[in-house]
């Protein structure tokens, strides 16, 4: 049975293109994510990580953290 209690939070590490990409898929994803951004924190929904944060494991792309909240 699904839990329908509001207030849950999800943080996802994504490539920076998820925040700034210009394809139709990027734009649809951002519109969907905006519906789940923490109340009062829309400007903090996306947070940049330092460049090449995962270089030590062979990932050399810029990444962001996306925070979503269940209402």
Protein backbone atom coordinates (compact mmCIF):
# COMPACT_ATOMS: atom_id res chain seq x y z
CA UNK A 1 0.00 0.00 0.00
CA UNK A 2 1.38 3.41 -0.97
CA UNK A 3 2.07 5.98 1.73
CA UNK A 4 0.13 9.17 0.99
CA UNK A 5 1.50 11.22 3.87
CA UNK A 6 2.75 14.62 2.67
CA UNK A 7 6.21 15.88 3.43
CA UNK A 8 8.48 13.28 1.90
CA UNK A 9 11.58 14.57 0.15
CA UNK A 10 13.66 13.17 -2.70
CA UNK A 11 17.07 14.42 -3.75
CA UNK A 12 18.54 13.25 -7.03
CA UNK A 13 21.98 13.81 -8.52
CA UNK A 14 21.60 14.55 -12.22
CA UNK A 15 23.74 15.82 -15.08
CA UNK A 16 23.69 19.62 -15.29
CA UNK A 17 21.87 19.30 -18.63
CA UNK A 18 18.74 18.33 -16.68
CA UNK A 19 18.59 21.90 -15.39
CA UNK A 20 19.72 23.79 -18.50
CA UNK A 21 19.12 21.50 -21.50
CA UNK A 22 16.89 22.88 -24.24
CA UNK A 23 15.31 19.74 -25.71
CA UNK A 24 11.58 19.15 -25.41
CA UNK A 25 12.28 16.29 -22.96
CA UNK A 26 14.36 18.58 -20.73
CA UNK A 27 11.62 21.20 -20.75
CA UNK A 28 8.88 18.67 -19.93
CA UNK A 29 10.98 17.23 -17.11
CA UNK A 30 11.60 20.66 -15.58
CA UNK A 31 7.88 21.53 -15.81
CA UNK A 32 7.03 18.27 -14.04
CA UNK A 33 9.73 18.83 -11.40
CA UNK A 34 8.51 22.39 -10.75
CA UNK A 35 5.19 20.93 -9.58
CA UNK A 36 7.08 19.06 -6.84
CA UNK A 37 9.60 21.67 -5.74
CA UNK A 38 9.66 22.40 -2.00
CA UNK A 39 7.22 25.14 -1.05
CA UNK A 40 8.95 28.45 -0.68
CA UNK A 41 12.16 27.03 -2.10
CA UNK A 42 11.61 27.14 -5.86
CA UNK A 43 14.88 29.03 -6.31
CA UNK A 44 16.66 26.26 -4.36
CA UNK A 45 15.11 23.35 -6.26
CA UNK A 46 18.37 22.95 -8.23
CA UNK A 47 21.79 23.14 -6.59
CA UNK A 48 25.05 22.97 -8.54
CA UNK A 49 27.72 20.60 -7.29
CA UNK A 50 31.40 21.49 -7.70
CA UNK A 51 32.73 20.80 -11.23
CA UNK A 52 33.64 17.16 -11.84
CA UNK A 53 32.48 16.13 -8.36
CA UNK A 54 32.60 12.46 -9.37
CA UNK A 55 35.89 12.49 -11.29
CA UNK A 56 37.41 10.02 -8.82
CA UNK A 57 35.03 7.35 -10.15
CA UNK A 58 35.44 8.31 -13.81
CA UNK A 59 32.47 10.67 -14.21
CA UNK A 60 33.72 13.96 -15.60
CA UNK A 61 30.51 15.88 -16.17
CA UNK A 62 29.02 18.72 -14.18
CA UNK A 63 26.20 17.65 -11.91
CA UNK A 64 23.33 19.18 -9.96
CA UNK A 65 21.14 18.10 -7.07
CA UNK A 66 17.40 18.27 -7.67
CA UNK A 67 15.18 18.41 -4.58
CA UNK A 68 11.55 17.33 -4.89
CA UNK A 69 8.93 17.23 -2.16
CA UNK A 70 5.73 15.28 -1.76
CA UNK A 71 2.84 17.55 -0.78
